[in-house]
N, C-alpha and C. Protein backbone atom coordinates (compact mmCIF):
# COMPACT_ATOMS: atom_id res chain seq x y z
N UNK A 1 160.39 236.03 193.45
CA UNK A 1 159.70 236.01 192.08
C UNK A 1 158.66 235.33 191.81
N UNK A 2 157.91 236.58 190.96
CA UNK A 2 156.91 235.79 191.01
C UNK A 2 155.46 234.95 191.44
N UNK A 3 154.89 234.44 190.84
CA UNK A 3 153.30 233.57 191.38
C UNK A 3 154.07 232.80 193.38
N UNK A 4 154.07 233.93 194.18
CA UNK A 4 154.40 232.47 195.73
C UNK A 4 152.96 232.35 196.50
N UNK A 5 152.71 231.03 196.86
CA UNK A 5 151.66 230.54 197.69
C UNK A 5 151.66 230.64 198.84
N UNK A 6 150.44 230.77 199.91
CA UNK A 6 150.77 231.14 201.02
C UNK A 6 149.30 230.45 201.77
N UNK A 7 149.56 230.39 203.01
CA UNK A 7 147.91 229.94 204.04
C UNK A 7 147.95 230.59 204.79
N UNK A 8 146.44 231.14 204.97
CA UNK A 8 145.25 232.37 205.65
C UNK A 8 144.06 231.90 205.23
N UNK A 9 143.34 232.91 206.26
CA UNK A 9 141.93 232.84 205.35
C UNK A 9 141.54 233.88 207.08
N UNK A 10 140.58 234.17 206.34
CA UNK A 10 139.89 236.37 207.12
C UNK A 10 138.38 235.49 207.46
N UNK A 11 138.23 236.36 208.31
CA UNK A 11 135.98 236.07 208.39
C UNK A 11 136.07 237.71 208.12
N UNK A 12 135.00 237.75 207.52
CA UNK A 12 134.16 239.35 207.77
C UNK A 12 132.99 239.33 207.46
N UNK A 13 132.43 240.13 209.45
CA UNK A 13 131.08 239.42 209.93
C UNK A 13 130.62 241.31 209.04
N UNK A 14 129.01 240.85 207.69
CA UNK A 14 128.43 241.76 207.86
C UNK A 14 127.47 241.30 208.39
N UNK A 15 126.68 242.89 209.47
CA UNK A 15 125.62 242.23 209.93
C UNK A 15 124.25 243.74 209.58
N UNK A 16 124.12 244.26 209.65
CA UNK A 16 122.95 245.29 209.44
C UNK A 16 123.07 246.36 210.09
N UNK A 17 123.60 247.62 209.68
CA UNK A 17 123.54 248.79 210.35
C UNK A 17 123.02 248.96 212.16
N UNK A 18 122.28 248.74 211.60
CA UNK A 18 120.89 249.91 213.08
C UNK A 18 121.33 248.33 214.07
N UNK A 19 121.56 246.80 213.59
CA UNK A 19 121.95 245.87 214.50
C UNK A 19 123.06 246.21 215.44
N UNK A 20 124.17 246.48 214.59
CA UNK A 20 125.08 246.56 215.14
C UNK A 20 125.18 247.58 215.92
N UNK A 21 124.54 249.19 215.53
CA UNK A 21 124.41 250.15 216.36
C UNK A 21 124.38 249.28 218.36
N UNK A 22 122.89 248.85 217.74
CA UNK A 22 122.06 248.75 219.04
C UNK A 22 122.50 247.59 219.62
N UNK A 23 123.55 246.48 219.54
CA UNK A 23 124.20 246.17 219.79
C UNK A 23 125.75 246.91 220.70
N UNK A 24 125.71 247.60 220.23
CA UNK A 24 127.26 248.60 220.77
C UNK A 24 128.33 247.17 219.76
N UNK A 25 128.55 246.79 218.86
CA UNK A 25 129.24 246.57 217.93
C UNK A 25 130.18 247.57 217.20
N UNK A 26 131.45 247.33 217.64
CA UNK A 26 132.63 248.32 216.75
C UNK A 26 132.34 247.92 215.87
N UNK A 27 132.35 249.50 214.45
CA UNK A 27 131.69 249.53 212.84
C UNK A 27 133.56 249.35 212.20
N UNK A 28 134.01 248.89 211.62
CA UNK A 28 134.96 249.24 211.50
C UNK A 28 134.56 249.93 210.07
N UNK A 29 133.75 249.48 209.15
CA UNK A 29 133.33 249.76 207.88
C UNK A 29 132.46 248.92 207.45
N UNK A 30 132.20 249.99 206.67
CA UNK A 30 130.35 249.65 205.46
C UNK A 30 131.01 249.20 204.07
N UNK A 31 130.48 248.26 204.02
CA UNK A 31 130.77 247.50 202.34
C UNK A 31 129.47 248.12 201.32
N UNK A 32 129.68 249.34 200.89
CA UNK A 32 128.72 249.98 199.80
C UNK A 32 128.79 249.74 198.65
N UNK A 33 129.84 248.94 198.38
CA UNK A 33 128.91 248.35 196.16
C UNK A 33 129.98 246.94 196.65
N UNK A 34 129.14 246.57 195.32
CA UNK A 34 130.04 245.47 194.60
C UNK A 34 130.30 245.30 193.43
N UNK A 35 130.78 244.43 192.80
CA UNK A 35 130.41 244.85 191.50
C UNK A 35 131.76 243.28 191.27
N UNK A 36 130.91 242.95 189.65
CA UNK A 36 130.62 241.44 189.02
C UNK A 36 131.08 241.68 187.76
N UNK A 37 132.00 240.70 187.54
CA UNK A 37 131.69 240.59 185.65
C UNK A 37 132.27 239.26 185.54
N UNK A 38 132.29 238.87 184.46
CA UNK A 38 132.36 237.46 184.20
C UNK A 38 133.69 237.71 182.44
N UNK A 39 134.46 237.95 182.13
CA UNK A 39 135.28 238.34 180.34
C UNK A 39 134.98 236.96 180.17
N UNK A 40 135.71 235.48 181.21
CA UNK A 40 135.37 234.36 179.91
C UNK A 40 136.81 234.50 178.72
N UNK A 41 138.19 235.54 179.09
CA UNK A 41 138.60 235.39 178.16
C UNK A 41 139.81 234.00 177.77
N UNK A 42 140.26 233.61 178.50
CA UNK A 42 140.55 232.42 178.82
C UNK A 42 141.35 232.20 180.42
N UNK A 43 141.11 230.65 180.10
CA UNK A 43 140.87 230.16 181.80
C UNK A 43 141.84 230.49 182.23
N UNK A 44 143.45 231.14 182.03
CA UNK A 44 143.81 231.61 183.38
C UNK A 44 144.94 233.06 183.30
N UNK A 45 144.26 233.51 182.38
CA UNK A 45 144.81 235.22 181.49
C UNK A 45 143.57 235.60 180.86
N UNK A 46 143.95 237.08 182.36
CA UNK A 46 142.70 238.42 181.79
C UNK A 46 142.85 238.85 180.64
N UNK A 47 141.79 239.39 179.87
CA UNK A 47 141.73 240.30 179.11
C UNK A 47 142.56 240.90 178.32
N UNK A 48 143.23 241.08 177.35
CA UNK A 48 144.75 242.40 177.53
C UNK A 48 144.23 243.30 177.30
N UNK A 49 142.58 244.27 177.43
CA UNK A 49 142.62 245.24 177.92
C UNK A 49 142.27 245.36 179.20
N UNK A 50 141.78 244.40 179.90
CA UNK A 50 141.69 244.41 181.90
C UNK A 50 139.90 244.91 181.21
N UNK A 51 139.48 244.76 179.70
CA UNK A 51 137.57 245.09 180.38
C UNK A 51 137.33 244.66 181.57
N UNK A 52 136.88 244.07 181.56
CA UNK A 52 136.05 242.84 183.05
C UNK A 52 137.11 243.85 184.08
N UNK A 53 137.94 242.85 184.68
CA UNK A 53 138.15 244.57 185.49
C UNK A 53 137.94 245.29 185.75
N UNK A 54 137.81 246.49 185.09
CA UNK A 54 137.55 247.96 185.18
C UNK A 54 135.93 247.93 185.09
N UNK A 55 135.17 246.99 184.58
CA UNK A 55 133.85 246.91 184.40
C UNK A 55 133.25 246.71 186.07
N UNK A 56 133.75 245.66 186.65
CA UNK A 56 133.89 245.13 188.01
C UNK A 56 133.90 246.71 189.24
N UNK A 57 134.70 247.14 188.61
CA UNK A 57 135.03 248.40 189.85
C UNK A 57 134.64 249.09 189.75
N UNK A 58 133.80 249.90 187.77
CA UNK A 58 132.82 250.97 187.89
C UNK A 58 131.65 250.32 187.97
N UNK A 59 131.64 248.84 188.80
CA UNK A 59 129.83 249.13 189.01
C UNK A 59 130.20 249.11 190.60
N UNK A 60 131.20 248.08 191.08
CA UNK A 60 131.47 248.55 192.54
C UNK A 60 131.06 250.37 193.11
N UNK A 61 131.44 251.16 191.81
CA UNK A 61 130.88 252.00 192.06
C UNK A 61 129.81 252.85 191.62
N UNK A 62 129.45 252.23 191.48
CA UNK A 62 127.77 252.53 190.80
C UNK A 62 127.13 252.39 191.92
N UNK A 63 127.10 250.78 192.21
CA UNK A 63 126.46 250.08 193.10
C UNK A 63 126.85 250.92 193.77
N UNK A 64 127.48 251.43 194.47
CA UNK A 64 127.98 252.58 195.42
C UNK A 64 127.38 254.04 195.71
N UNK A 65 127.00 253.88 194.70
CA UNK A 65 126.62 255.70 194.12
C UNK A 65 127.29 256.55 194.69
N UNK A 66 128.41 255.82 194.61
CA UNK A 66 130.19 257.22 194.38
C UNK A 66 130.83 257.02 193.19
N UNK A 67 132.00 257.73 193.16
CA UNK A 67 132.53 258.71 191.73
C UNK A 67 133.73 258.12 191.71
N UNK A 68 134.08 258.03 190.48
CA UNK A 68 136.12 257.61 190.31
C UNK A 68 136.39 258.35 191.33
N UNK A 69 136.43 259.79 191.53
CA UNK A 69 136.79 260.33 192.39
C UNK A 69 137.38 260.20 193.59
N UNK A 70 135.81 259.52 193.97
CA UNK A 70 136.76 259.36 195.30
C UNK A 70 135.99 258.23 196.24
N UNK A 71 137.49 257.36 195.58
CA UNK A 71 138.75 256.67 196.08
C UNK A 71 139.76 256.76 196.64
N UNK A 72 139.88 256.65 197.23
CA UNK A 72 141.89 256.40 197.74
C UNK A 72 142.72 255.77 197.96
N UNK A 73 141.70 254.22 198.14
CA UNK A 73 142.24 253.81 198.02
C UNK A 73 142.08 251.94 197.33
N UNK A 74 143.29 251.46 197.17
CA UNK A 74 142.60 250.11 196.10
C UNK A 74 143.60 249.36 196.29
N UNK A 75 143.47 248.44 196.72
CA UNK A 75 144.08 246.98 197.04
C UNK A 75 143.74 245.88 195.76
N UNK A 76 145.43 246.01 195.36
CA UNK A 76 144.84 245.39 193.61
C UNK A 76 144.62 244.21 194.49
N UNK A 77 144.08 242.30 193.24
CA UNK A 77 144.52 241.04 192.83
C UNK A 77 145.73 240.83 192.86
N UNK A 78 146.53 241.57 192.80
CA UNK A 78 148.09 241.45 191.85
C UNK A 78 148.96 239.98 192.09
N UNK A 79 148.43 239.43 191.41
CA UNK A 79 149.61 237.85 191.60
C UNK A 79 150.99 237.85 191.48
N UNK A 80 151.84 239.04 190.67
CA UNK A 80 152.99 238.90 190.49
C UNK A 80 153.10 237.97 189.41
N UNK A 81 152.31 238.17 188.79
CA UNK A 81 152.54 237.12 187.46
C UNK A 81 152.90 238.48 186.11
N UNK A 82 153.21 238.94 185.59
CA UNK A 82 153.90 239.88 184.73
C UNK A 82 152.44 240.11 183.87
N UNK A 83 152.38 239.81 183.47
CA UNK A 83 150.81 240.01 182.67
C UNK A 83 149.46 239.83 183.43
N UNK A 84 149.08 239.78 184.11
CA UNK A 84 147.81 240.10 184.94
C UNK A 84 148.44 241.04 185.74
N UNK A 85 148.98 241.49 186.33
CA UNK A 85 149.96 242.76 186.82
C UNK A 85 149.74 243.55 186.11
N UNK A 86 150.25 243.92 185.30
CA UNK A 86 150.25 244.85 183.58
C UNK A 86 148.70 244.81 183.40
N UNK A 87 147.91 244.40 183.17
CA UNK A 87 146.34 243.87 182.68
C UNK A 87 145.59 245.37 183.92
N UNK A 88 145.96 244.20 185.49
CA UNK A 88 145.25 244.89 186.41
C UNK A 88 145.73 246.96 186.44
N UNK A 89 146.43 246.44 185.85
CA UNK A 89 147.34 248.77 186.80
C UNK A 89 146.24 249.35 185.13
N UNK A 90 146.08 248.80 183.98
CA UNK A 90 145.66 249.60 183.36
C UNK A 90 144.16 249.63 183.42
N UNK A 91 143.63 248.60 184.37
CA UNK A 91 142.21 248.21 184.77
C UNK A 91 141.68 249.25 185.39
N UNK A 92 142.53 249.67 186.06
CA UNK A 92 142.74 250.15 187.79
C UNK A 92 142.57 251.37 187.25
N UNK A 93 143.18 251.86 185.93
CA UNK A 93 143.27 253.67 185.68
C UNK A 93 142.34 253.94 184.91
N UNK A 94 141.06 252.23 184.28
CA UNK A 94 140.92 253.03 182.84
C UNK A 94 139.12 253.41 184.19
N UNK A 95 139.32 252.21 185.12
CA UNK A 95 137.99 252.12 185.80
C UNK A 95 138.09 254.38 187.01
N UNK A 96 139.02 254.57 187.84
CA UNK A 96 139.59 255.48 187.69
C UNK A 96 139.98 256.44 187.32
N UNK A 97 138.85 256.72 186.20
CA UNK A 97 139.87 258.64 185.34
C UNK A 97 139.42 259.50 186.24
N UNK A 98 140.84 260.09 187.35
CA UNK A 98 140.41 261.81 187.05
C UNK A 98 140.66 261.75 188.53
N UNK A 99 141.45 260.36 189.13
CA UNK A 99 141.14 260.66 190.82
C UNK A 99 142.86 260.65 191.56
N UNK A 100 142.94 260.89 192.05
CA UNK A 100 144.11 260.16 192.65
C UNK A 100 143.92 259.13 193.66
N UNK A 101 144.44 258.05 193.70
CA UNK A 101 144.85 257.49 194.71
C UNK A 101 145.79 256.29 194.53
N UNK A 102 145.82 255.41 195.61
CA UNK A 102 147.32 254.82 196.71
C UNK A 102 147.18 252.97 195.89
N UNK A 103 147.35 252.80 195.46
CA UNK A 103 147.56 250.88 195.88
C UNK A 103 148.73 250.31 195.73
N UNK A 104 148.56 248.81 196.33
CA UNK A 104 148.88 248.59 196.99
C UNK A 104 149.07 246.93 196.95
N UNK A 105 149.00 246.23 197.03
CA UNK A 105 149.18 244.33 196.61
C UNK A 105 149.69 243.64 198.04
N UNK A 106 148.55 243.23 198.70
CA UNK A 106 149.14 242.89 200.45
C UNK A 106 149.87 241.63 200.21
N UNK A 107 148.92 240.05 198.58
CA UNK A 107 149.98 239.59 199.01
C UNK A 107 151.61 239.08 197.99
N UNK A 108 152.57 240.60 198.59
CA UNK A 108 154.01 239.62 198.18
C UNK A 108 154.15 239.88 200.07
N UNK A 109 153.45 240.37 200.80
CA UNK A 109 153.27 239.26 202.33
C UNK A 109 152.63 237.69 202.81
N UNK A 110 151.70 238.01 201.72
CA UNK A 110 150.76 236.67 202.16
C UNK A 110 150.99 235.37 201.46
N UNK A 111 151.93 235.83 199.98
CA UNK A 111 151.72 234.74 199.32
C UNK A 111 150.04 235.03 199.02
N UNK A 112 149.80 234.29 197.61
CA UNK A 112 148.79 233.90 197.12
C UNK A 112 147.88 232.96 198.00
N UNK A 113 146.53 233.45 198.59
CA UNK A 113 145.89 232.81 199.62
C UNK A 113 145.27 231.74 198.38
N UNK A 114 144.86 231.88 197.47
CA UNK A 114 143.76 230.83 196.79
C UNK A 114 142.43 231.09 197.19
N UNK A 115 141.71 230.35 197.42
CA UNK A 115 140.57 230.44 197.74
C UNK A 115 140.04 231.90 198.74
N UNK A 116 140.93 231.43 199.99
CA UNK A 116 140.86 232.61 200.87
C UNK A 116 141.15 234.10 200.07
N UNK A 117 142.45 234.62 199.07
CA UNK A 117 142.87 235.51 199.24
C UNK A 117 142.17 236.56 199.37
N UNK A 118 140.43 236.99 198.74
CA UNK A 118 139.67 238.10 198.82
C UNK A 118 139.17 238.64 200.20
N UNK A 119 139.31 237.27 200.39
CA UNK A 119 138.73 237.84 201.83
C UNK A 119 139.73 238.32 202.54
N UNK A 120 141.04 237.56 202.97
CA UNK A 120 141.99 238.37 203.22
C UNK A 120 142.51 239.93 203.35
N UNK A 121 142.39 239.67 201.57
CA UNK A 121 142.27 241.37 201.09
C UNK A 121 141.48 242.18 201.79
N UNK A 122 139.56 242.14 201.74
CA UNK A 122 139.30 242.69 201.43
C UNK A 122 139.83 242.99 202.98
N UNK A 123 139.71 242.55 204.17
CA UNK A 123 140.24 242.38 205.56
C UNK A 123 140.94 243.93 205.41
N UNK A 124 142.12 243.51 204.51
CA UNK A 124 143.46 244.12 205.12
C UNK A 124 143.02 245.47 203.86
N UNK A 125 141.67 245.53 203.92
CA UNK A 125 141.96 246.97 202.87
C UNK A 125 140.34 247.42 204.11
N UNK A 126 139.92 246.84 204.52
CA UNK A 126 138.72 247.23 206.14
C UNK A 126 139.90 248.09 207.33
N UNK A 127 140.37 247.07 207.26
CA UNK A 127 141.30 247.61 208.55
C UNK A 127 142.74 249.12 207.71
N UNK A 128 142.89 248.94 206.25
CA UNK A 128 143.14 250.42 206.08
C UNK A 128 142.67 251.21 206.28
N UNK A 129 141.05 251.63 205.81
CA UNK A 129 140.41 252.70 206.01
C UNK A 129 140.36 252.78 207.36
N UNK A 130 140.39 251.68 208.11
CA UNK A 130 139.86 251.82 210.31
C UNK A 130 140.72 252.82 210.57
N UNK A 131 142.64 252.51 210.25
CA UNK A 131 143.18 253.02 210.84
C UNK A 131 144.76 253.60 209.81
N UNK A 132 143.52 254.56 208.45
CA UNK A 132 144.49 255.25 208.05
C UNK A 132 145.39 254.77 208.16
N UNK A 133 145.85 253.44 207.72
CA UNK A 133 146.89 252.85 207.64
C UNK A 133 147.30 252.05 205.92
N UNK A 134 147.67 252.57 205.15
CA UNK A 134 147.97 251.30 203.90
C UNK A 134 149.07 250.68 204.15
N UNK A 135 148.44 249.48 203.59
CA UNK A 135 149.60 248.64 203.43
C UNK A 135 150.28 248.83 202.59
N UNK A 136 151.66 248.43 202.62
CA UNK A 136 152.38 248.44 200.66
C UNK A 136 152.35 247.18 200.39
N UNK A 137 153.15 247.07 198.76
CA UNK A 137 153.68 245.95 198.44
C UNK A 137 155.47 245.75 199.34
N UNK A 138 154.85 244.30 199.22
CA UNK A 138 156.23 243.98 199.95
C UNK A 138 156.77 243.38 198.55
N UNK A 139 158.28 242.64 198.30
CA UNK A 139 158.87 242.43 197.59
C UNK A 139 158.61 243.27 196.21
N UNK A 140 158.87 244.10 196.33
CA UNK A 140 158.04 244.77 194.73
C UNK A 140 159.29 245.26 194.50
N UNK A 141 160.20 245.21 192.92
CA UNK A 141 161.60 245.81 192.49
C UNK A 141 161.49 246.43 191.18
N UNK A 142 160.29 245.92 189.92
CA UNK A 142 159.65 246.82 189.76
C UNK A 142 158.57 246.38 188.70
N UNK A 143 158.50 248.06 187.80
CA UNK A 143 157.69 247.27 186.48
C UNK A 143 157.77 247.95 185.50
N UNK A 144 156.70 247.47 184.81
CA UNK A 144 157.43 248.21 183.30
C UNK A 144 156.51 248.93 182.83
N UNK A 145 154.63 248.23 182.56
CA UNK A 145 153.78 249.17 182.99
C UNK A 145 154.09 250.54 182.94
N UNK A 146 153.43 251.47 182.30
CA UNK A 146 152.91 252.71 182.21
C UNK A 146 151.87 252.96 183.43
N UNK A 147 152.12 253.79 184.63
CA UNK A 147 150.89 254.14 185.48
C UNK A 147 150.13 254.97 185.34
N UNK A 148 148.73 254.79 184.76
CA UNK A 148 147.64 256.13 184.98
C UNK A 148 148.51 257.14 186.05
N UNK A 149 147.70 257.94 184.62
CA UNK A 149 147.38 259.64 185.63
C UNK A 149 147.19 259.30 187.53
N UNK A 150 147.31 259.92 188.97
CA UNK A 150 146.96 259.91 189.51
C UNK A 150 147.12 258.95 190.24
N UNK A 151 147.61 258.06 189.87
CA UNK A 151 148.20 256.52 190.74
C UNK A 151 149.29 256.19 190.77
N UNK A 152 149.36 256.13 192.54
CA UNK A 152 150.73 255.90 193.61
C UNK A 152 150.33 254.32 194.21
N UNK A 153 152.12 254.08 194.06
CA UNK A 153 151.58 253.01 194.47
C UNK A 153 152.55 252.77 195.34
N UNK A 154 152.24 251.89 196.22
CA UNK A 154 152.90 252.14 198.27
C UNK A 154 153.54 250.99 198.08
N UNK A 155 154.70 251.25 198.14
CA UNK A 155 155.90 250.31 198.27
C UNK A 155 156.45 250.43 199.90
N UNK A 156 157.31 248.51 199.95
CA UNK A 156 158.45 249.16 201.21
C UNK A 156 157.34 249.36 202.55
N UNK A 157 157.37 250.24 202.20
CA UNK A 157 156.14 250.09 204.66
C UNK A 157 154.82 251.28 204.16
N UNK A 158 154.89 251.16 204.97
CA UNK A 158 153.22 251.68 206.08
C UNK A 158 152.77 253.49 205.67
N UNK A 159 151.57 253.29 204.28
CA UNK A 159 151.64 254.51 204.01
C UNK A 159 150.39 255.45 205.35
N UNK A 160 150.56 256.45 205.99
CA UNK A 160 150.01 257.43 207.30
C UNK A 160 148.68 257.83 206.32
N UNK A 161 147.60 257.28 205.64
CA UNK A 161 146.97 258.36 204.41
C UNK A 161 144.76 258.63 204.87
N UNK A 162 144.56 259.90 205.27
CA UNK A 162 143.27 259.48 205.12
C UNK A 162 142.37 259.28 204.06
N UNK A 163 142.04 257.82 204.53
CA UNK A 163 141.82 256.72 203.34
C UNK A 163 140.57 257.02 204.35
N UNK A 164 139.26 256.88 203.58
CA UNK A 164 138.10 257.24 203.44
C UNK A 164 136.81 255.58 202.88
N UNK A 165 137.71 255.70 201.35
CA UNK A 165 137.06 254.84 200.27
C UNK A 165 138.21 253.68 199.91
N UNK A 166 137.56 252.57 200.14
CA UNK A 166 138.89 251.62 199.06
C UNK A 166 138.20 251.02 198.40
N UNK A 167 138.48 250.58 197.54
CA UNK A 167 138.18 249.14 196.69
C UNK A 167 139.01 247.92 197.04
N UNK A 168 138.74 247.07 196.71
CA UNK A 168 139.86 245.35 197.31
C UNK A 168 138.79 245.05 195.82
N UNK A 169 139.67 244.42 194.96
CA UNK A 169 139.77 243.50 193.79
C UNK A 169 140.63 242.26 194.54
N UNK A 170 139.14 241.31 193.32
CA UNK A 170 139.27 239.43 193.53
C UNK A 170 139.43 238.54 192.04
N UNK A 171 140.17 238.52 191.33
CA UNK A 171 140.07 238.06 190.13
C UNK A 171 140.34 236.99 189.86
N UNK A 172 139.87 235.65 188.66
CA UNK A 172 140.21 234.64 189.52
C UNK A 172 140.32 233.68 188.14
N UNK A 173 140.61 232.40 188.29
CA UNK A 173 140.41 231.66 186.74
C UNK A 173 138.91 232.05 185.79
N UNK A 174 139.66 232.07 184.82
CA UNK A 174 138.00 232.23 184.20
C UNK A 174 137.70 233.58 183.64
N UNK A 175 138.03 234.27 183.99
CA UNK A 175 137.98 235.92 183.74
C UNK A 175 136.74 236.36 185.21
N UNK A 176 137.09 236.49 186.05
CA UNK A 176 135.75 235.47 187.43
C UNK A 176 136.48 236.89 188.15
N UNK A 177 135.65 237.66 188.51
CA UNK A 177 135.90 239.31 188.74
C UNK A 177 135.45 239.75 189.27
N UNK A 178 135.81 240.16 190.59
CA UNK A 178 134.82 240.80 191.82
C UNK A 178 135.57 241.58 192.64
N UNK A 179 135.10 243.13 192.84
CA UNK A 179 135.18 244.08 192.88
C UNK A 179 134.44 244.50 194.27
N UNK A 180 135.31 245.12 195.64
CA UNK A 180 134.31 245.24 196.74
C UNK A 180 134.06 246.99 196.78
N UNK A 181 133.63 247.75 197.55
CA UNK A 181 134.16 248.84 197.66
C UNK A 181 133.03 249.14 199.66
N UNK A 182 134.44 249.53 200.60
CA UNK A 182 134.45 249.98 201.80
C UNK A 182 134.44 251.61 201.66
N UNK A 183 134.10 252.43 202.61
CA UNK A 183 134.18 252.39 203.23
C UNK A 183 133.76 253.16 205.05
N UNK A 184 134.83 253.79 204.91
CA UNK A 184 134.55 253.98 206.74
C UNK A 184 133.15 254.82 207.06
N UNK A 185 132.77 254.35 208.34
CA UNK A 185 131.25 254.30 209.15
C UNK A 185 131.09 256.38 208.72
N UNK A 186 129.95 256.81 208.86
CA UNK A 186 129.68 258.17 208.70
C UNK A 186 128.92 258.37 210.40
N UNK A 187 129.14 257.40 211.26
CA UNK A 187 128.82 257.12 212.06
C UNK A 187 130.16 257.34 213.17
N UNK A 188 130.09 258.34 214.03
CA UNK A 188 130.76 257.89 214.85
C UNK A 188 130.66 257.20 216.48
């Protein structure tokens, strides 16, 4: 019930595509875009309208040169706090209008890894599009918030889906918001 801390870490190796291909490295995904915002609404609470979070997601789409309808999967920040989760759901709906996408959070399985949360969630996101297997939100019971049109919550079990474009959200204290956009490599 609620916020649970965990322990863990992940490292993602970012490498120039041509260099990786030259040395025969397996390319799991491409980092295509990122978005940053700082809404500074409150030290521990996000902006009630989710403006900062939505802005980060929209910026990552713009920097990737993609549309809202290109996104197949979102790994939500989702800290299991009623205020934060409801606001993030609304922010995702505000940023991804018109599309159909799957959403889950891996914190239900890992706990909140604090400073390492973003790297682990980005690794889950990369593996989701690499394997076409979307992770579920574990220990999810109910939500009181309305889900936006096109929002499909993955609960309890893995989903096999052809996901080629995904966003990983990381939102922190003080209104620091980051969204990363990964895609499956265009090359085989």
